Amino acid sequence: MNNPDSMLRQQALDVHRNLLGFYGQPTWRPALSAIDELISTILSQNTNDRNRDLAYNNLRSHFPSWEGVRDAELVEVVTAIRSAGLANQKGARILAVLKEITAERGSLNLDFLRDLPREEALTWLKHFKGVGPKTAAIVMQFALGVPAMPVDTHIYRVTGRIGLRPMGMTVEQTHIQMEKLLPPETYYAAHLNLIRLGRELCHPRKPACPACPVNELCEYYLGGKTGSKSNIPSG
């Protein structure tokens, strides 16, 4: 009898390989330092990449260093990051994180996280208010080079449709699920290609299933083809 867990891992790996064949090996933007990536990712919450980058670049141009941001008045930070949306909330969150890191570490250098066990480093990042599993995983994978699988709204939707997670699984639980299903060396490319799939083809409404490179691995598509709707999530 086939092992369901083994079959699901094979399905996830096949999805990853199909996406590599379709999109190629993806490349993240130039790597930032861990503290830079942390602030950039906080700015990215509930907005798009363009607005995040505008806010991040504006913040960096207005202050000579992160210490300068930390010591600034809230209104100055909020004004600088207005384009990211939720500026009052994000500004307060950024100031709090910078001040707490300084209080705990004596500086704003996060390179020490590379020397910690992976789970300990993730836990340390997540103890700051506003730093959840996705933000912590992005810092680990893309700034520190430590394998982690961030799950955003696109990956959450796509993995539910494909059938790589139970429909009732939370976003937080999906981080753990995907890291169990895929080998660590695939996290980088899998994360970026799944996001691209969600943005370009697997839309929240009216997904372009016939053009999808993983449709023959997808419960949503196969359920629709056979007339069964039991595996098709709402939305």
C-alpha atoms as a PDB file:
ATOM      1  CA  MET A   1       0.000   0.000   0.000  1.00  0.00           C
ATOM      2  CA  ASN A   2       1.281   3.448  -0.857  1.00  0.00           C
ATOM      3  CA  ASN A   3       2.184   5.720   2.032  1.00  0.00           C
ATOM      4  CA  PRO A   4       0.003   8.876   1.836  1.00  0.00           C
ATOM      5  CA  ASP A   5       2.790  11.056   3.253  1.00  0.00           C
ATOM      6  CA  SER A   6       5.266   9.690   0.735  1.00  0.00           C
ATOM      7  CA  MET A   7       2.798  10.269  -2.102  1.00  0.00           C
ATOM      8  CA  LEU A   8       2.212  13.846  -0.999  1.00  0.00           C
ATOM      9  CA  ARG A   9       5.959  14.521  -0.837  1.00  0.00           C
ATOM     10  CA  GLN A  10       6.308  13.119  -4.351  1.00  0.00           C
ATOM     11  CA  GLN A  11       3.448  15.302  -5.540  1.00  0.00           C
ATOM     12  CA  ALA A  12       5.101  18.400  -4.027  1.00  0.00           C
ATOM     13  CA  LEU A  13       8.416  17.510  -5.621  1.00  0.00           C
ATOM     14  CA  ASP A  14       6.748  16.948  -8.994  1.00  0.00           C
ATOM     15  CA  VAL A  15       5.058  20.345  -8.722  1.00  0.00           C
ATOM     16  CA  HIS A  16       8.406  21.942  -7.954  1.00  0.00           C
ATOM     17  CA  ARG A  17      10.094  20.233 -10.903  1.00  0.00           C
ATOM     18  CA  ASN A  18       7.303  21.176 -13.304  1.00  0.00           C
ATOM     19  CA  LEU A  19       7.561  24.801 -12.232  1.00  0.00           C
ATOM     20  CA  LEU A  20      11.320  24.745 -12.718  1.00  0.00           C
ATOM     21  CA  GLY A  21      10.780  23.406 -16.206  1.00  0.00           C
ATOM     22  CA  PHE A  22       8.168  26.060 -16.956  1.00  0.00           C
ATOM     23  CA  TYR A  23       9.665  29.144 -15.292  1.00  0.00           C
ATOM     24  CA  GLY A  24      13.297  28.145 -14.917  1.00  0.00           C
ATOM     25  CA  GLN A  25      15.496  28.743 -11.884  1.00  0.00           C
ATOM     26  CA  PRO A  26      14.213  31.967 -10.305  1.00  0.00           C
ATOM     27  CA  THR A  27      16.455  34.688  -8.906  1.00  0.00           C
ATOM     28  CA  TRP A  28      15.533  36.847  -5.929  1.00  0.00           C
ATOM     29  CA  ARG A  29      16.419  40.521  -6.033  1.00  0.00           C
ATOM     30  CA  PRO A  30      19.935  41.377  -4.777  1.00  0.00           C
ATOM     31  CA  ALA A  31      20.330  40.077  -1.248  1.00  0.00           C
ATOM     32  CA  LEU A  32      19.853  42.502   1.619  1.00  0.00           C
ATOM     33  CA  SER A  33      21.338  42.289   5.081  1.00  0.00           C
ATOM     34  CA  ALA A  34      19.154  40.593   7.673  1.00  0.00           C
ATOM     35  CA  ILE A  35      18.060  43.854   9.295  1.00  0.00           C
ATOM     36  CA  ASP A  36      17.336  45.394   5.886  1.00  0.00           C
ATOM     37  CA  GLU A  37      15.271  42.356   4.871  1.00  0.00           C
ATOM     38  CA  LEU A  38      13.402  42.403   8.170  1.00  0.00           C
ATOM     39  CA  ILE A  39      12.315  46.027   7.721  1.00  0.00           C
ATOM     40  CA  SER A  40      11.543  45.520   4.027  1.00  0.00           C
ATOM     41  CA  THR A  41       9.323  42.548   4.823  1.00  0.00           C
ATOM     42  CA  ILE A  42       7.453  44.424   7.547  1.00  0.00           C
ATOM     43  CA  LEU A  43       6.775  47.131   4.959  1.00  0.00           C
ATOM     44  CA  SER A  44       5.542  44.497   2.486  1.00  0.00           C
ATOM     45  CA  GLN A  45       2.673  43.373   4.700  1.00  0.00           C
ATOM     46  CA  ASN A  46      -0.725  44.044   3.078  1.00  0.00           C
ATOM     47  CA  THR A  47       0.732  45.839   0.085  1.00  0.00           C
ATOM     48  CA  ASN A  48       2.405  45.100  -3.248  1.00  0.00           C
ATOM     49  CA  ASP A  49       6.094  44.968  -4.104  1.00  0.00           C
ATOM     50  CA  ARG A  50       6.093  48.374  -5.793  1.00  0.00           C
ATOM     51  CA  ASN A  51       4.648  50.185  -2.776  1.00  0.00           C
ATOM     52  CA  ARG A  52       6.971  48.282  -0.443  1.00  0.00           C
ATOM     53  CA  ASP A  53      10.027  49.274  -2.461  1.00  0.00           C
ATOM     54  CA  LEU A  54       8.947  52.914  -2.652  1.00  0.00           C
ATOM     55  CA  ALA A  55       8.538  53.040   1.102  1.00  0.00           C
ATOM     56  CA  TYR A  56      11.778  51.200   1.794  1.00  0.00           C
ATOM     57  CA  ASN A  57      13.839  53.386  -0.549  1.00  0.00           C
ATOM     58  CA  ASN A  58      12.241  56.534   0.834  1.00  0.00           C
ATOM     59  CA  LEU A  59      13.031  55.445   4.378  1.00  0.00           C
ATOM     60  CA  ARG A  60      16.662  54.736   3.504  1.00  0.00           C
ATOM     61  CA  SER A  61      17.053  58.062   1.705  1.00  0.00           C
ATOM     62  CA  HIS A  62      15.650  60.026   4.645  1.00  0.00           C
ATOM     63  CA  PHE A  63      17.790  58.412   7.332  1.00  0.00           C
ATOM     64  CA  PRO A  64      21.530  57.676   7.200  1.00  0.00           C
ATOM     65  CA  SER A  65      21.246  54.406   9.132  1.00  0.00           C
ATOM     66  CA  TRP A  66      18.818  52.111  10.909  1.00  0.00           C
ATOM     67  CA  GLU A  67      20.041  53.685  14.127  1.00  0.00           C
ATOM     68  CA  GLY A  68      18.789  56.961  12.697  1.00  0.00           C
ATOM     69  CA  VAL A  69      15.388  55.410  12.030  1.00  0.00           C
ATOM     70  CA  ARG A  70      15.322  53.918  15.519  1.00  0.00           C
ATOM     71  CA  ASP A  71      15.990  57.272  17.149  1.00  0.00           C
ATOM     72  CA  ALA A  72      13.614  59.267  14.931  1.00  0.00           C
ATOM     73  CA  GLU A  73      10.170  60.526  15.876  1.00  0.00           C
ATOM     74  CA  LEU A  74       7.309  58.285  14.838  1.00  0.00           C
ATOM     75  CA  VAL A  75       5.807  60.968  12.614  1.00  0.00           C
ATOM     76  CA  GLU A  76       9.045  61.138  10.588  1.00  0.00           C
ATOM     77  CA  VAL A  77       9.046  57.401   9.969  1.00  0.00           C
ATOM     78  CA  VAL A  78       5.339  57.315   9.165  1.00  0.00           C
ATOM     79  CA  THR A  79       5.761  60.113   6.622  1.00  0.00           C
ATOM     80  CA  ALA A  80       8.658  58.305   4.945  1.00  0.00           C
ATOM     81  CA  ILE A  81       6.789  55.008   4.542  1.00  0.00           C
ATOM     82  CA  ARG A  82       3.368  56.364   3.618  1.00  0.00           C
ATOM     83  CA  SER A  83       3.361  54.603   0.227  1.00  0.00           C
ATOM     84  CA  ALA A  84       3.366  51.159   1.890  1.00  0.00           C
ATOM     85  CA  GLY A  85      -0.046  51.714   3.468  1.00  0.00           C
ATOM     86  CA  LEU A  86      -0.922  51.212   7.136  1.00  0.00           C
ATOM     87  CA  ALA A  87       1.926  53.650   7.783  1.00  0.00           C
ATOM     88  CA  ASN A  88       1.010  54.426  11.393  1.00  0.00           C
ATOM     89  CA  GLN A  89       0.941  50.745  12.303  1.00  0.00           C
ATOM     90  CA  LYS A  90       4.055  49.801  10.342  1.00  0.00           C
ATOM     91  CA  GLY A  91       5.989  52.840  11.536  1.00  0.00           C
ATOM     92  CA  ALA A  92       5.306  52.041  15.176  1.00  0.00           C
ATOM     93  CA  ARG A  93       6.146  48.391  14.572  1.00  0.00           C
ATOM     94  CA  ILE A  94       9.473  49.235  12.903  1.00  0.00           C
ATOM     95  CA  LEU A  95      10.506  51.572  15.704  1.00  0.00           C
ATOM     96  CA  ALA A  96       9.566  49.003  18.345  1.00  0.00           C
ATOM     97  CA  VAL A  97      11.497  46.207  16.614  1.00  0.00           C
ATOM     98  CA  LEU A  98      14.616  48.354  16.142  1.00  0.00           C
ATOM     99  CA  LYS A  99      14.555  49.462  19.772  1.00  0.00           C
ATOM    100  CA  GLU A 100      13.968  45.949  21.090  1.00  0.00           C
ATOM    101  CA  ILE A 101      16.768  44.475  18.984  1.00  0.00           C
ATOM    102  CA  THR A 102      19.147  47.160  20.265  1.00  0.00           C
ATOM    103  CA  ALA A 103      18.107  46.509  23.855  1.00  0.00           C
ATOM    104  CA  GLU A 104      18.621  42.757  23.482  1.00  0.00           C
ATOM    105  CA  ARG A 105      21.711  42.687  21.286  1.00  0.00           C
ATOM    106  CA  GLY A 106      23.409  46.049  21.756  1.00  0.00           C
ATOM    107  CA  SER A 107      23.393  46.664  17.996  1.00  0.00           C
ATOM    108  CA  LEU A 108      21.255  46.198  14.901  1.00  0.00           C
ATOM    109  CA  ASN A 109      23.421  43.473  13.363  1.00  0.00           C
ATOM    110  CA  LEU A 110      21.535  40.190  12.999  1.00  0.00           C
ATOM    111  CA  ASP A 111      24.353  38.094  11.547  1.00  0.00           C
ATOM    112  CA  PHE A 112      24.541  36.174  14.835  1.00  0.00           C
ATOM    113  CA  LEU A 113      21.399  34.310  13.737  1.00  0.00           C
ATOM    114  CA  ARG A 114      23.453  32.287  11.251  1.00  0.00           C
ATOM    115  CA  ASP A 115      25.277  30.668  14.164  1.00  0.00           C
ATOM    116  CA  LEU A 116      22.133  29.633  16.018  1.00  0.00           C
ATOM    117  CA  PRO A 117      20.239  26.388  15.419  1.00  0.00           C
ATOM    118  CA  ARG A 118      17.653  27.081  12.730  1.00  0.00           C
ATOM    119  CA  GLU A 119      14.578  26.714  14.939  1.00  0.00           C
ATOM    120  CA  GLU A 120      16.132  28.860  17.656  1.00  0.00           C
ATOM    121  CA  ALA A 121      16.839  31.621  15.133  1.00  0.00           C
ATOM    122  CA  LEU A 122      13.285  31.487  13.789  1.00  0.00           C
ATOM    123  CA  THR A 123      11.858  31.595  17.304  1.00  0.00           C
ATOM    124  CA  TRP A 124      14.033  34.608  18.152  1.00  0.00           C
ATOM    125  CA  LEU A 125      12.794  36.522  15.126  1.00  0.00           C
ATOM    126  CA  LYS A 126       9.154  35.642  15.784  1.00  0.00           C
ATOM    127  CA  HIS A 127       9.140  36.937  19.340  1.00  0.00           C
ATOM    128  CA  PHE A 128       8.894  40.508  18.044  1.00  0.00           C
ATOM    129  CA  LYS A 129       5.375  41.845  17.571  1.00  0.00           C
ATOM    130  CA  GLY A 130       4.480  41.902  13.898  1.00  0.00           C
ATOM    131  CA  VAL A 131       7.125  39.349  12.883  1.00  0.00           C
ATOM    132  CA  GLY A 132       5.307  36.162  11.968  1.00  0.00           C
ATOM    133  CA  PRO A 133       6.418  32.907  10.324  1.00  0.00           C
ATOM    134  CA  LYS A 134       6.518  34.393   6.816  1.00  0.00           C
ATOM    135  CA  THR A 135       8.638  37.407   7.765  1.00  0.00           C
ATOM    136  CA  ALA A 136      11.012  35.266   9.817  1.00  0.00           C
ATOM    137  CA  ALA A 137      11.352  32.706   7.014  1.00  0.00           C
ATOM    138  CA  ILE A 138      12.093  35.410   4.432  1.00  0.00           C
ATOM    139  CA  VAL A 139      14.891  36.829   6.588  1.00  0.00           C
ATOM    140  CA  MET A 140      16.341  33.368   7.136  1.00  0.00           C
ATOM    141  CA  GLN A 141      16.170  32.189   3.518  1.00  0.00           C
ATOM    142  CA  PHE A 142      16.951  35.318   1.556  1.00  0.00           C
ATOM    143  CA  ALA A 143      19.181  37.347   3.877  1.00  0.00           C
ATOM    144  CA  LEU A 144      20.960  34.690   5.920  1.00  0.00           C
ATOM    145  CA  GLY A 145      20.970  31.796   3.443  1.00  0.00           C
ATOM    146  CA  VAL A 146      19.372  29.410   5.939  1.00  0.00           C
ATOM    147  CA  PRO A 147      16.705  27.186   4.325  1.00  0.00           C
ATOM    148  CA  ALA A 148      13.160  28.268   5.182  1.00  0.00           C
ATOM    149  CA  MET A 149       9.899  28.161   3.219  1.00  0.00           C
ATOM    150  CA  PRO A 150       7.902  31.402   3.501  1.00  0.00           C
ATOM    151  CA  VAL A 151       4.194  31.049   2.753  1.00  0.00           C
ATOM    152  CA  ASP A 152       2.348  34.110   1.471  1.00  0.00           C
ATOM    153  CA  THR A 153      -1.238  34.470   0.300  1.00  0.00           C
ATOM    154  CA  HIS A 154      -0.389  33.169  -3.194  1.00  0.00           C
ATOM    155  CA  ILE A 155       1.377  30.045  -1.936  1.00  0.00           C
ATOM    156  CA  TYR A 156      -1.402  29.415   0.557  1.00  0.00           C
ATOM    157  CA  ARG A 157      -4.029  29.553  -2.194  1.00  0.00           C
ATOM    158  CA  VAL A 158      -2.021  27.493  -4.693  1.00  0.00           C
ATOM    159  CA  THR A 159      -1.104  24.729  -2.249  1.00  0.00           C
ATOM    160  CA  GLY A 160      -4.743  24.430  -1.194  1.00  0.00           C
ATOM    161  CA  ARG A 161      -5.923  24.074  -4.759  1.00  0.00           C
ATOM    162  CA  ILE A 162      -3.236  21.599  -5.732  1.00  0.00           C
ATOM    163  CA  GLY A 163      -3.968  19.520  -2.650  1.00  0.00           C
ATOM    164  CA  LEU A 164      -0.630  19.879  -0.874  1.00  0.00           C
ATOM    165  CA  ARG A 165      -2.362  20.888   2.342  1.00  0.00           C
ATOM    166  CA  PRO A 166      -5.758  20.227   3.937  1.00  0.00           C
ATOM    167  CA  MET A 167      -8.219  23.010   3.178  1.00  0.00           C
ATOM    168  CA  GLY A 168      -8.670  23.788   6.886  1.00  0.00           C
ATOM    169  CA  MET A 169      -4.951  24.218   7.531  1.00  0.00           C
ATOM    170  CA  THR A 170      -3.913  27.707   8.644  1.00  0.00           C
ATOM    171  CA  VAL A 171      -1.240  29.808   6.949  1.00  0.00           C
ATOM    172  CA  GLU A 172       1.049  29.291   9.942  1.00  0.00           C
ATOM    173  CA  GLN A 173       0.608  25.508   9.765  1.00  0.00           C
ATOM    174  CA  THR A 174       1.255  25.579   6.022  1.00  0.00           C
ATOM    175  CA  HIS A 175       4.810  26.831   6.626  1.00  0.00           C
ATOM    176  CA  ILE A 176       5.492  23.638   8.573  1.00  0.00           C
ATOM    177  CA  GLN A 177       3.628  21.484   6.055  1.00  0.00           C
ATOM    178  CA  MET A 178       5.585  22.721   3.042  1.00  0.00           C
ATOM    179  CA  GLU A 179       8.923  22.385   4.830  1.00  0.00           C
ATOM    180  CA  LYS A 180       8.048  18.755   5.558  1.00  0.00           C
ATOM    181  CA  LEU A 181       7.009  18.037   1.975  1.00  0.00           C
ATOM    182  CA  LEU A 182       9.970  19.595   0.168  1.00  0.00           C
ATOM    183  CA  PRO A 183      13.732  19.141   0.639  1.00  0.00           C
ATOM    184  CA  PRO A 184      15.434  22.245   2.139  1.00  0.00           C
ATOM    185  CA  GLU A 185      17.511  22.830  -0.980  1.00  0.00           C
ATOM    186  CA  THR A 186      14.309  23.432  -2.971  1.00  0.00           C
ATOM    187  CA  TYR A 187      12.781  26.091  -0.696  1.00  0.00           C
ATOM    188  CA  TYR A 188      14.336  29.052  -2.505  1.00  0.00           C
ATOM    189  CA  ALA A 189      13.097  28.189  -5.980  1.00  0.00           C
ATOM    190  CA  ALA A 190       9.843  26.607  -4.835  1.00  0.00           C
ATOM    191  CA  HIS A 191       8.842  29.712  -2.900  1.00  0.00           C
ATOM    192  CA  LEU A 192       9.508  32.081  -5.795  1.00  0.00           C
ATOM    193  CA  ASN A 193       7.965  29.889  -8.495  1.00  0.00           C
ATOM    194  CA  LEU A 194       4.815  29.141  -6.495  1.00  0.00           C
ATOM    195  CA  ILE A 195       4.326  32.878  -5.968  1.00  0.00           C
ATOM    196  CA  ARG A 196       4.775  33.479  -9.683  1.00  0.00           C
ATOM    197  CA  LEU A 197       2.247  30.754 -10.474  1.00  0.00           C
ATOM    198  CA  GLY A 198      -0.248  32.375  -8.103  1.00  0.00           C
ATOM    199  CA  ARG A 199       0.253  35.808  -9.589  1.00  0.00           C
ATOM    200  CA  GLU A 200       0.228  34.875 -13.256  1.00  0.00           C
ATOM    201  CA  LEU A 201      -2.066  31.853 -13.599  1.00  0.00           C
ATOM    202  CA  CYS A 202      -3.603  30.554 -10.366  1.00  0.00           C
ATOM    203  CA  HIS A 203      -5.653  33.679  -9.717  1.00  0.00           C
ATOM    204  CA  PRO A 204      -8.045  33.934  -6.751  1.00  0.00           C
ATOM    205  CA  ARG A 205     -10.918  33.959  -9.248  1.00  0.00           C
ATOM    206  CA  LYS A 206     -10.981  32.365 -12.676  1.00  0.00           C
ATOM    207  CA  PRO A 207      -7.592  30.624 -12.558  1.00  0.00           C
ATOM    208  CA  ALA A 208      -6.068  29.903 -15.958  1.00  0.00           C
ATOM    209  CA  CYS A 209      -6.001  26.161 -15.414  1.00  0.00           C
ATOM    210  CA  PRO A 210      -5.503  25.039 -19.066  1.00  0.00           C
ATOM    211  CA  ALA A 211      -2.261  27.043 -19.230  1.00  0.00           C
ATOM    212  CA  CYS A 212      -0.971  25.850 -15.865  1.00  0.00           C
ATOM    213  CA  PRO A 213       2.186  23.688 -15.894  1.00  0.00           C
ATOM    214  CA  VAL A 214       1.009  21.674 -12.885  1.00  0.00           C
ATOM    215  CA  ASN A 215      -2.644  21.156 -13.808  1.00  0.00           C
ATOM    216  CA  GLU A 216      -2.272  17.370 -14.105  1.00  0.00           C
ATOM    217  CA  LEU A 217      -0.982  17.344 -10.511  1.00  0.00           C
ATOM    218  CA  CYS A 218      -3.741  19.602  -9.210  1.00  0.00           C
ATOM    219  CA  GLU A 219      -6.859  18.414  -7.364  1.00  0.00           C
ATOM    220  CA  TYR A 220      -8.721  21.607  -8.302  1.00  0.00           C
ATOM    221  CA  TYR A 221      -8.170  21.056 -12.024  1.00  0.00           C
ATOM    222  CA  LEU A 222      -8.647  17.289 -11.972  1.00  0.00           C
ATOM    223  CA  GLY A 223     -11.794  17.622  -9.868  1.00  0.00           C
ATOM    224  CA  GLY A 224     -13.241  20.078 -12.353  1.00  0.00           C
ATOM    225  CA  LYS A 225     -12.353  17.845 -15.301  1.00  0.00           C
ATOM    226  CA  THR A 226     -14.101  14.847 -13.755  1.00  0.00           C
ATOM    227  CA  GLY A 227     -17.097  16.816 -12.580  1.00  0.00           C
ATOM    228  CA  SER A 228     -16.282  16.411  -8.882  1.00  0.00           C
ATOM    229  CA  LYS A 229     -16.248  19.651  -6.888  1.00  0.00           C
ATOM    230  CA  SER A 230     -15.288  18.126  -3.557  1.00  0.00           C
ATOM    231  CA  ASN A 231     -11.660  19.264  -3.776  1.00  0.00           C
ATOM    232  CA  ILE A 232     -12.314  22.735  -5.145  1.00  0.00           C
ATOM    233  CA  PRO A 233     -11.853  25.455  -2.505  1.00  0.00           C
ATOM    234  CA  SER A 234     -14.052  28.504  -2.426  1.00  0.00           C
ATOM    235  CA  GLY A 235     -12.693  31.866  -3.524  1.00  0.00           C
END
